[in-house]
Amino acid sequence: MQQTYLWSARLSGARLAFAQLSSAIFIDAGLRSIDFHGAQFQGTVLTNADMQDTNLDDADMRGALSLRPAQICSAKSRRGTLLDDTLQSQVDALCPNPH
């Protein structure tokens, strides 16, 4: 799914474990309840993407663009998720207990 353009797409419940999402565009996308464990998000645009109840376990989100702490905190699970240092600090302050 590298360089995929999914503006406002609704992908709720999809299974994208270990997906290579490099430079994909998910602006305003409905990503609720997606299994993203182990996925790679380098350069992925996530502006206003609904990531509630996603599985982000072991996902590498370093280099993701327009990603907010609240999006990470809304995940169902985020154990082992890799974030850029600044974003990690913000997530730790907003929702300190990964679930």
N, C-alpha and C. Protein backbone atom coordinates (compact mmCIF):
# COMPACT_ATOMS: atom_id res chain seq x y z
N MET A 1 0.81 -1.19 0.00
CA MET A 1 0.00 0.00 0.00
C MET A 1 0.85 1.26 0.00
N GLN A 2 2.09 1.14 -0.39
CA GLN A 2 2.96 2.30 -0.43
C GLN A 2 2.43 3.32 -1.43
N GLN A 3 2.50 4.60 -1.05
CA GLN A 3 2.08 5.72 -1.89
C GLN A 3 0.62 5.63 -2.33
N THR A 4 -0.21 5.00 -1.52
CA THR A 4 -1.63 4.88 -1.82
C THR A 4 -2.35 6.15 -1.37
N TYR A 5 -3.28 6.62 -2.13
CA TYR A 5 -4.04 7.83 -1.85
C TYR A 5 -5.44 7.42 -1.41
N LEU A 6 -5.70 7.52 -0.08
CA LEU A 6 -6.98 7.09 0.46
C LEU A 6 -7.65 8.21 1.25
N TRP A 7 -7.81 9.35 0.65
CA TRP A 7 -8.43 10.51 1.27
C TRP A 7 -9.89 10.17 1.59
N SER A 8 -10.27 10.31 2.86
CA SER A 8 -11.64 10.07 3.35
C SER A 8 -12.12 8.63 3.16
N ALA A 9 -11.22 7.71 2.93
CA ALA A 9 -11.60 6.30 2.77
C ALA A 9 -12.11 5.75 4.11
N ARG A 10 -12.99 4.78 4.05
CA ARG A 10 -13.50 4.10 5.24
C ARG A 10 -13.03 2.66 5.18
N LEU A 11 -12.06 2.34 6.03
CA LEU A 11 -11.46 1.01 6.01
C LEU A 11 -11.68 0.27 7.33
N SER A 12 -12.65 0.68 8.11
CA SER A 12 -12.88 0.13 9.44
C SER A 12 -12.83 -1.39 9.45
N GLY A 13 -12.07 -1.93 10.41
CA GLY A 13 -11.98 -3.36 10.61
C GLY A 13 -11.04 -4.10 9.68
N ALA A 14 -10.35 -3.41 8.80
CA ALA A 14 -9.44 -4.07 7.85
C ALA A 14 -8.25 -4.70 8.58
N ARG A 15 -7.64 -5.65 7.97
CA ARG A 15 -6.45 -6.31 8.53
C ARG A 15 -5.24 -5.88 7.71
N LEU A 16 -4.46 -4.98 8.29
CA LEU A 16 -3.28 -4.45 7.61
C LEU A 16 -2.03 -4.72 8.42
N ALA A 17 -2.00 -5.86 9.09
CA ALA A 17 -0.83 -6.23 9.88
C ALA A 17 0.40 -6.31 8.98
N PHE A 18 1.48 -5.73 9.44
CA PHE A 18 2.78 -5.71 8.76
C PHE A 18 2.74 -5.00 7.41
N ALA A 19 1.73 -4.19 7.19
CA ALA A 19 1.62 -3.46 5.92
C ALA A 19 2.74 -2.43 5.78
N GLN A 20 3.22 -2.25 4.57
CA GLN A 20 4.20 -1.22 4.24
C GLN A 20 3.41 -0.02 3.73
N LEU A 21 3.22 0.98 4.60
CA LEU A 21 2.35 2.11 4.28
C LEU A 21 3.14 3.36 3.93
N SER A 22 4.38 3.21 3.55
CA SER A 22 5.25 4.33 3.24
C SER A 22 4.59 5.31 2.27
N SER A 23 4.48 6.56 2.70
CA SER A 23 3.95 7.66 1.89
C SER A 23 2.48 7.51 1.50
N ALA A 24 1.75 6.63 2.16
CA ALA A 24 0.30 6.53 1.92
C ALA A 24 -0.37 7.78 2.49
N ILE A 25 -1.50 8.16 1.94
CA ILE A 25 -2.23 9.35 2.39
C ILE A 25 -3.59 8.91 2.93
N PHE A 26 -3.78 9.12 4.25
CA PHE A 26 -5.01 8.75 4.93
C PHE A 26 -5.67 9.99 5.55
N ILE A 27 -5.79 11.07 4.82
CA ILE A 27 -6.39 12.30 5.34
C ILE A 27 -7.88 12.08 5.54
N ASP A 28 -8.36 12.36 6.77
CA ASP A 28 -9.77 12.20 7.14
C ASP A 28 -10.29 10.78 6.93
N ALA A 29 -9.41 9.81 6.94
CA ALA A 29 -9.80 8.42 6.70
C ALA A 29 -10.39 7.79 7.96
N GLY A 30 -11.33 6.90 7.77
CA GLY A 30 -11.91 6.12 8.85
C GLY A 30 -11.12 4.83 9.01
N LEU A 31 -10.23 4.81 9.97
CA LEU A 31 -9.35 3.65 10.18
C LEU A 31 -9.71 2.90 11.46
N ARG A 32 -10.89 3.10 11.94
CA ARG A 32 -11.34 2.54 13.21
C ARG A 32 -11.25 1.01 13.21
N SER A 33 -10.69 0.48 14.30
CA SER A 33 -10.61 -0.97 14.56
C SER A 33 -9.73 -1.74 13.57
N ILE A 34 -8.83 -1.07 12.89
CA ILE A 34 -7.93 -1.76 11.96
C ILE A 34 -6.79 -2.42 12.72
N ASP A 35 -6.38 -3.58 12.27
CA ASP A 35 -5.21 -4.27 12.81
C ASP A 35 -3.99 -3.80 12.04
N PHE A 36 -3.24 -2.88 12.66
CA PHE A 36 -2.01 -2.34 12.07
C PHE A 36 -0.76 -2.91 12.73
N HIS A 37 -0.88 -4.00 13.49
CA HIS A 37 0.31 -4.42 14.24
C HIS A 37 1.47 -4.75 13.27
N GLY A 38 2.64 -4.23 13.65
CA GLY A 38 3.83 -4.44 12.84
C GLY A 38 3.91 -3.61 11.57
N ALA A 39 2.95 -2.74 11.32
CA ALA A 39 2.94 -1.94 10.09
C ALA A 39 4.01 -0.85 10.14
N GLN A 40 4.44 -0.41 8.96
CA GLN A 40 5.45 0.63 8.80
C GLN A 40 4.78 1.89 8.25
N PHE A 41 4.95 3.03 8.96
CA PHE A 41 4.25 4.27 8.61
C PHE A 41 5.18 5.39 8.15
N GLN A 42 6.39 5.12 7.77
CA GLN A 42 7.33 6.17 7.35
C GLN A 42 6.73 7.03 6.23
N GLY A 43 6.55 8.32 6.48
CA GLY A 43 6.03 9.23 5.46
C GLY A 43 4.53 9.17 5.24
N THR A 44 3.82 8.36 6.01
CA THR A 44 2.38 8.24 5.87
C THR A 44 1.69 9.48 6.44
N VAL A 45 0.74 10.04 5.72
CA VAL A 45 0.00 11.22 6.17
C VAL A 45 -1.28 10.75 6.86
N LEU A 46 -1.45 11.15 8.13
CA LEU A 46 -2.58 10.70 8.93
C LEU A 46 -3.42 11.87 9.47
N THR A 47 -3.52 12.93 8.72
CA THR A 47 -4.26 14.12 9.15
C THR A 47 -5.71 13.77 9.43
N ASN A 48 -6.13 14.00 10.68
CA ASN A 48 -7.51 13.77 11.12
C ASN A 48 -8.02 12.35 10.88
N ALA A 49 -7.14 11.38 10.75
CA ALA A 49 -7.58 9.99 10.59
C ALA A 49 -8.16 9.47 11.90
N ASP A 50 -9.30 8.81 11.83
CA ASP A 50 -9.93 8.21 13.00
C ASP A 50 -9.26 6.87 13.26
N MET A 51 -8.45 6.81 14.32
CA MET A 51 -7.69 5.61 14.63
C MET A 51 -8.19 4.93 15.91
N GLN A 52 -9.42 5.23 16.29
CA GLN A 52 -9.98 4.66 17.50
C GLN A 52 -10.06 3.15 17.41
N ASP A 53 -9.66 2.50 18.50
CA ASP A 53 -9.72 1.03 18.65
C ASP A 53 -8.82 0.26 17.69
N THR A 54 -7.80 0.92 17.12
CA THR A 54 -6.85 0.20 16.26
C THR A 54 -5.87 -0.60 17.10
N ASN A 55 -5.25 -1.58 16.48
CA ASN A 55 -4.16 -2.33 17.09
C ASN A 55 -2.87 -1.80 16.49
N LEU A 56 -2.10 -1.08 17.30
CA LEU A 56 -0.83 -0.51 16.84
C LEU A 56 0.37 -1.24 17.44
N ASP A 57 0.17 -2.42 18.00
CA ASP A 57 1.27 -3.16 18.62
C ASP A 57 2.41 -3.34 17.62
N ASP A 58 3.61 -2.95 18.07
CA ASP A 58 4.84 -3.11 17.29
C ASP A 58 4.84 -2.37 15.95
N ALA A 59 3.92 -1.45 15.77
CA ALA A 59 3.93 -0.63 14.55
C ALA A 59 5.05 0.40 14.64
N ASP A 60 5.69 0.67 13.53
CA ASP A 60 6.74 1.69 13.46
C ASP A 60 6.13 2.95 12.85
N MET A 61 5.81 3.90 13.71
CA MET A 61 5.15 5.13 13.27
C MET A 61 6.11 6.30 13.20
N ARG A 62 7.39 6.00 13.29
CA ARG A 62 8.39 7.07 13.17
C ARG A 62 8.34 7.62 11.75
N GLY A 63 8.29 8.94 11.66
CA GLY A 63 8.24 9.58 10.36
C GLY A 63 6.85 9.74 9.80
N ALA A 64 5.82 9.31 10.55
CA ALA A 64 4.44 9.54 10.10
C ALA A 64 4.17 11.04 10.18
N LEU A 65 3.35 11.55 9.28
CA LEU A 65 3.09 12.98 9.20
C LEU A 65 1.68 13.32 9.70
N SER A 66 1.56 14.47 10.36
CA SER A 66 0.29 14.97 10.88
C SER A 66 -0.38 14.00 11.84
N LEU A 67 0.43 13.31 12.60
CA LEU A 67 -0.05 12.36 13.60
C LEU A 67 -0.10 13.06 14.95
N ARG A 68 -1.26 13.02 15.60
CA ARG A 68 -1.43 13.68 16.89
C ARG A 68 -1.44 12.67 18.03
N PRO A 69 -1.03 13.09 19.22
CA PRO A 69 -1.03 12.18 20.38
C PRO A 69 -2.41 11.56 20.63
N ALA A 70 -3.47 12.33 20.46
CA ALA A 70 -4.81 11.79 20.71
C ALA A 70 -5.13 10.61 19.80
N GLN A 71 -4.60 10.61 18.59
CA GLN A 71 -4.83 9.49 17.68
C GLN A 71 -4.19 8.22 18.23
N ILE A 72 -2.99 8.35 18.76
CA ILE A 72 -2.30 7.19 19.33
C ILE A 72 -3.02 6.72 20.59
N CYS A 73 -3.42 7.67 21.42
CA CYS A 73 -4.09 7.33 22.68
C CYS A 73 -5.44 6.66 22.45
N SER A 74 -6.06 6.89 21.31
CA SER A 74 -7.36 6.28 21.04
C SER A 74 -7.25 4.82 20.57
N ALA A 75 -6.02 4.36 20.37
CA ALA A 75 -5.82 2.98 19.92
C ALA A 75 -6.25 1.99 21.00
N LYS A 76 -6.71 0.86 20.58
CA LYS A 76 -7.10 -0.21 21.50
C LYS A 76 -5.86 -0.79 22.16
N SER A 77 -4.79 -0.91 21.39
CA SER A 77 -3.54 -1.46 21.90
C SER A 77 -2.36 -0.82 21.16
N ARG A 78 -1.29 -0.51 21.92
CA ARG A 78 -0.12 0.14 21.31
C ARG A 78 1.18 -0.31 21.95
N ARG A 79 1.23 -1.53 22.41
CA ARG A 79 2.46 -2.06 23.02
C ARG A 79 3.55 -2.17 21.96
N GLY A 80 4.71 -1.63 22.29
CA GLY A 80 5.85 -1.73 21.39
C GLY A 80 5.81 -0.80 20.20
N THR A 81 4.83 0.10 20.15
CA THR A 81 4.74 1.05 19.04
C THR A 81 5.93 2.00 19.08
N LEU A 82 6.56 2.21 17.95
CA LEU A 82 7.70 3.12 17.85
C LEU A 82 7.23 4.46 17.32
N LEU A 83 7.55 5.53 18.08
CA LEU A 83 7.16 6.89 17.71
C LEU A 83 8.38 7.79 17.70
N ASP A 84 8.30 8.90 16.97
CA ASP A 84 9.35 9.91 17.05
C ASP A 84 9.42 10.40 18.49
N ASP A 85 10.62 10.80 18.94
CA ASP A 85 10.82 11.18 20.34
C ASP A 85 9.85 12.24 20.84
N THR A 86 9.63 13.29 20.07
CA THR A 86 8.73 14.36 20.49
C THR A 86 7.31 13.85 20.66
N LEU A 87 6.84 13.08 19.70
CA LEU A 87 5.50 12.53 19.78
C LEU A 87 5.39 11.55 20.95
N GLN A 88 6.43 10.76 21.17
CA GLN A 88 6.42 9.82 22.28
C GLN A 88 6.24 10.54 23.61
N SER A 89 6.94 11.66 23.78
CA SER A 89 6.81 12.45 25.01
C SER A 89 5.39 12.97 25.18
N GLN A 90 4.79 13.42 24.09
CA GLN A 90 3.42 13.93 24.15
C GLN A 90 2.42 12.83 24.46
N VAL A 91 2.62 11.67 23.88
CA VAL A 91 1.74 10.52 24.15
C VAL A 91 1.89 10.09 25.61
N ASP A 92 3.12 10.04 26.10
CA ASP A 92 3.34 9.65 27.49
C ASP A 92 2.63 10.59 28.45
N ALA A 93 2.60 11.87 28.12
CA ALA A 93 1.93 12.86 28.98
C ALA A 93 0.41 12.74 28.91
N LEU A 94 -0.12 12.43 27.73
CA LEU A 94 -1.56 12.38 27.52
C LEU A 94 -2.18 11.06 27.98
N CYS A 95 -1.49 9.97 27.69
CA CYS A 95 -2.02 8.62 28.02
C CYS A 95 -0.85 7.71 28.37
N PRO A 96 -0.38 7.80 29.61
CA PRO A 96 0.86 7.13 30.00
C PRO A 96 0.86 5.60 29.98
N ASN A 97 -0.29 4.97 30.03
CA ASN A 97 -0.32 3.51 30.11
C ASN A 97 -0.70 2.88 28.78
N PRO A 98 0.29 2.31 28.08
CA PRO A 98 -0.08 1.63 26.82
C PRO A 98 -0.97 0.44 27.15
N HIS A 99 -1.93 0.21 26.32
CA HIS A 99 -2.84 -0.92 26.54
C HIS A 99 -2.89 -1.80 25.32
